[in-house]
Amino acid sequence: GLAERITVLMEEQQPYLDPDLDLSGLAELLSTNPRQVSHTINRSFSRNFYEYVNGYRVEAFKERVQEPGSEKLTLLGHAFEVGFKSKSTFNDVFKKATGLTPSAYVRGVKKRSEKMHPDD
């Protein structure tokens, strides 16, 4: 079904990395119409288009900040790299998704990795 196709597309082609991705852009990638895509996302994932896309961006951000060398970019730099357009949107979306601010999340990640590698 379309829901599976949307998921596969998001995971394999990562269109969410494009900050200008919109409903019609996603529909085009799926060769279907925006209304259909919107309806399917609402029904199958219980979120609207932007919530759905930003969910992927949040996960991509979380992965990036755990990679070695991620300190080279600011948190906002990473946010832009995963497709967020503004600092305020990023902060709002991230906090809604995780219950933490981005910087609190990253501090937590760093603490956990220090526990795992106490000698680094």
Protein backbone atom coordinates (compact mmCIF):
# COMPACT_ATOMS: atom_id res chain seq x y z
CA GLY A 1 0.00 0.00 0.00
CA LEU A 2 0.89 3.67 -0.12
CA ALA A 3 1.85 3.81 3.55
CA GLU A 4 4.58 1.19 2.98
CA ARG A 5 5.76 3.02 -0.13
CA ILE A 6 6.01 6.27 1.81
CA THR A 7 8.03 4.57 4.58
CA VAL A 8 10.40 2.89 2.13
CA LEU A 9 10.90 6.14 0.24
CA MET A 10 11.63 8.07 3.45
CA GLU A 11 14.13 5.49 4.65
CA GLU A 12 15.90 4.82 1.37
CA GLN A 13 15.91 8.20 -0.37
CA GLN A 14 15.73 10.40 2.73
CA PRO A 15 13.78 13.19 1.01
CA TYR A 16 13.29 14.82 4.45
CA LEU A 17 16.90 16.04 4.29
CA ASP A 18 15.64 18.64 1.81
CA PRO A 19 14.36 21.58 3.86
CA ASP A 20 11.97 22.51 1.05
CA LEU A 21 10.26 19.12 0.92
CA ASP A 22 6.53 19.68 0.85
CA LEU A 23 3.50 17.53 0.32
CA SER A 24 3.47 17.96 -3.44
CA GLY A 25 7.19 17.18 -3.62
CA LEU A 26 6.68 13.97 -1.70
CA ALA A 27 3.64 13.08 -3.80
CA GLU A 28 5.71 13.58 -6.95
CA LEU A 29 8.39 11.19 -5.70
CA LEU A 30 5.63 8.62 -5.18
CA SER A 31 3.91 9.40 -8.50
CA THR A 32 0.64 10.06 -6.74
CA ASN A 33 -1.32 13.12 -5.68
CA PRO A 34 -0.73 15.26 -2.58
CA ARG A 35 -4.24 14.65 -1.24
CA GLN A 36 -3.68 10.91 -1.27
CA VAL A 37 -0.31 11.23 0.47
CA SER A 38 -1.72 13.58 3.09
CA HIS A 39 -4.67 11.29 3.76
CA THR A 40 -2.45 8.21 4.04
CA ILE A 41 -0.01 9.88 6.43
CA ASN A 42 -2.89 11.11 8.60
CA ARG A 43 -4.57 7.75 8.64
CA SER A 44 -1.61 5.38 8.80
CA PHE A 45 0.76 7.36 11.00
CA SER A 46 -1.73 9.52 12.93
CA ARG A 47 0.23 12.69 12.25
CA ASN A 48 0.12 15.42 9.69
CA PHE A 49 2.66 15.71 6.90
CA TYR A 50 5.03 18.04 8.78
CA GLU A 51 4.92 16.03 11.99
CA TYR A 52 5.69 12.91 9.99
CA VAL A 53 8.61 14.43 8.09
CA ASN A 54 10.01 16.17 11.17
CA GLY A 55 9.93 12.85 13.01
CA TYR A 56 12.48 11.54 10.52
CA ARG A 57 14.53 14.70 10.88
CA VAL A 58 14.65 14.31 14.66
CA GLU A 59 15.85 10.70 14.32
CA ALA A 60 18.46 11.73 11.75
CA PHE A 61 19.67 14.47 14.10
CA LYS A 62 19.94 12.00 16.99
CA GLU A 63 22.04 9.67 14.83
CA ARG A 64 24.31 12.45 13.61
CA VAL A 65 25.17 13.81 17.04
CA GLN A 66 26.27 10.36 18.16
CA GLU A 67 28.77 9.99 15.36
CA PRO A 68 32.44 10.58 16.10
CA GLY A 69 33.46 14.05 14.99
CA SER A 70 29.95 15.43 15.31
CA GLU A 71 31.32 18.20 17.55
CA LYS A 72 32.70 19.88 14.42
CA LEU A 73 29.22 21.23 13.72
CA THR A 74 26.98 23.16 16.09
CA LEU A 75 23.69 21.56 17.08
CA LEU A 76 21.96 24.03 14.81
CA GLY A 77 24.36 23.07 12.01
CA HIS A 78 23.27 19.45 12.43
CA ALA A 79 19.62 20.54 12.53
CA PHE A 80 20.01 22.31 9.18
CA GLU A 81 21.83 19.29 7.72
CA VAL A 82 18.85 17.04 8.50
CA GLY A 83 16.36 19.41 6.87
CA PHE A 84 15.16 21.82 9.55
CA LYS A 85 14.81 25.39 8.33
CA SER A 86 14.84 27.39 11.52
CA LYS A 87 16.17 27.15 15.03
CA SER A 88 12.77 27.71 16.62
CA THR A 89 11.05 25.00 14.58
CA PHE A 90 13.86 22.60 15.35
CA ASN A 91 13.75 23.29 19.09
CA ASP A 92 9.96 23.00 19.24
CA VAL A 93 9.78 19.81 17.20
CA PHE A 94 12.68 18.19 19.03
CA LYS A 95 11.28 18.99 22.46
CA LYS A 96 7.85 17.68 21.49
CA ALA A 97 9.37 14.47 20.14
CA THR A 98 11.81 13.71 22.95
CA GLY A 99 10.73 15.79 25.93
CA LEU A 100 14.22 17.31 25.98
CA THR A 101 15.87 20.33 24.45
CA PRO A 102 18.45 19.40 21.80
CA SER A 103 21.33 20.45 24.04
CA ALA A 104 20.01 18.47 27.02
CA TYR A 105 19.63 15.46 24.74
CA VAL A 106 23.19 15.75 23.45
CA ARG A 107 24.56 16.16 26.98
CA GLY A 108 22.75 12.95 27.92
CA VAL A 109 24.20 11.13 24.92
CA LYS A 110 27.72 12.28 25.77
CA LYS A 111 27.30 11.14 29.39
CA ARG A 112 26.08 7.73 28.28
CA SER A 113 28.98 7.25 25.89
CA GLU A 114 31.46 8.25 28.59
CA LYS A 115 30.00 5.56 30.82
CA MET A 116 30.45 3.05 28.02
CA HIS A 117 34.03 4.12 27.30
CA PRO A 118 35.44 5.35 30.60
CA ASP A 119 39.00 5.46 29.25
CA ASP A 120 38.43 7.76 26.27
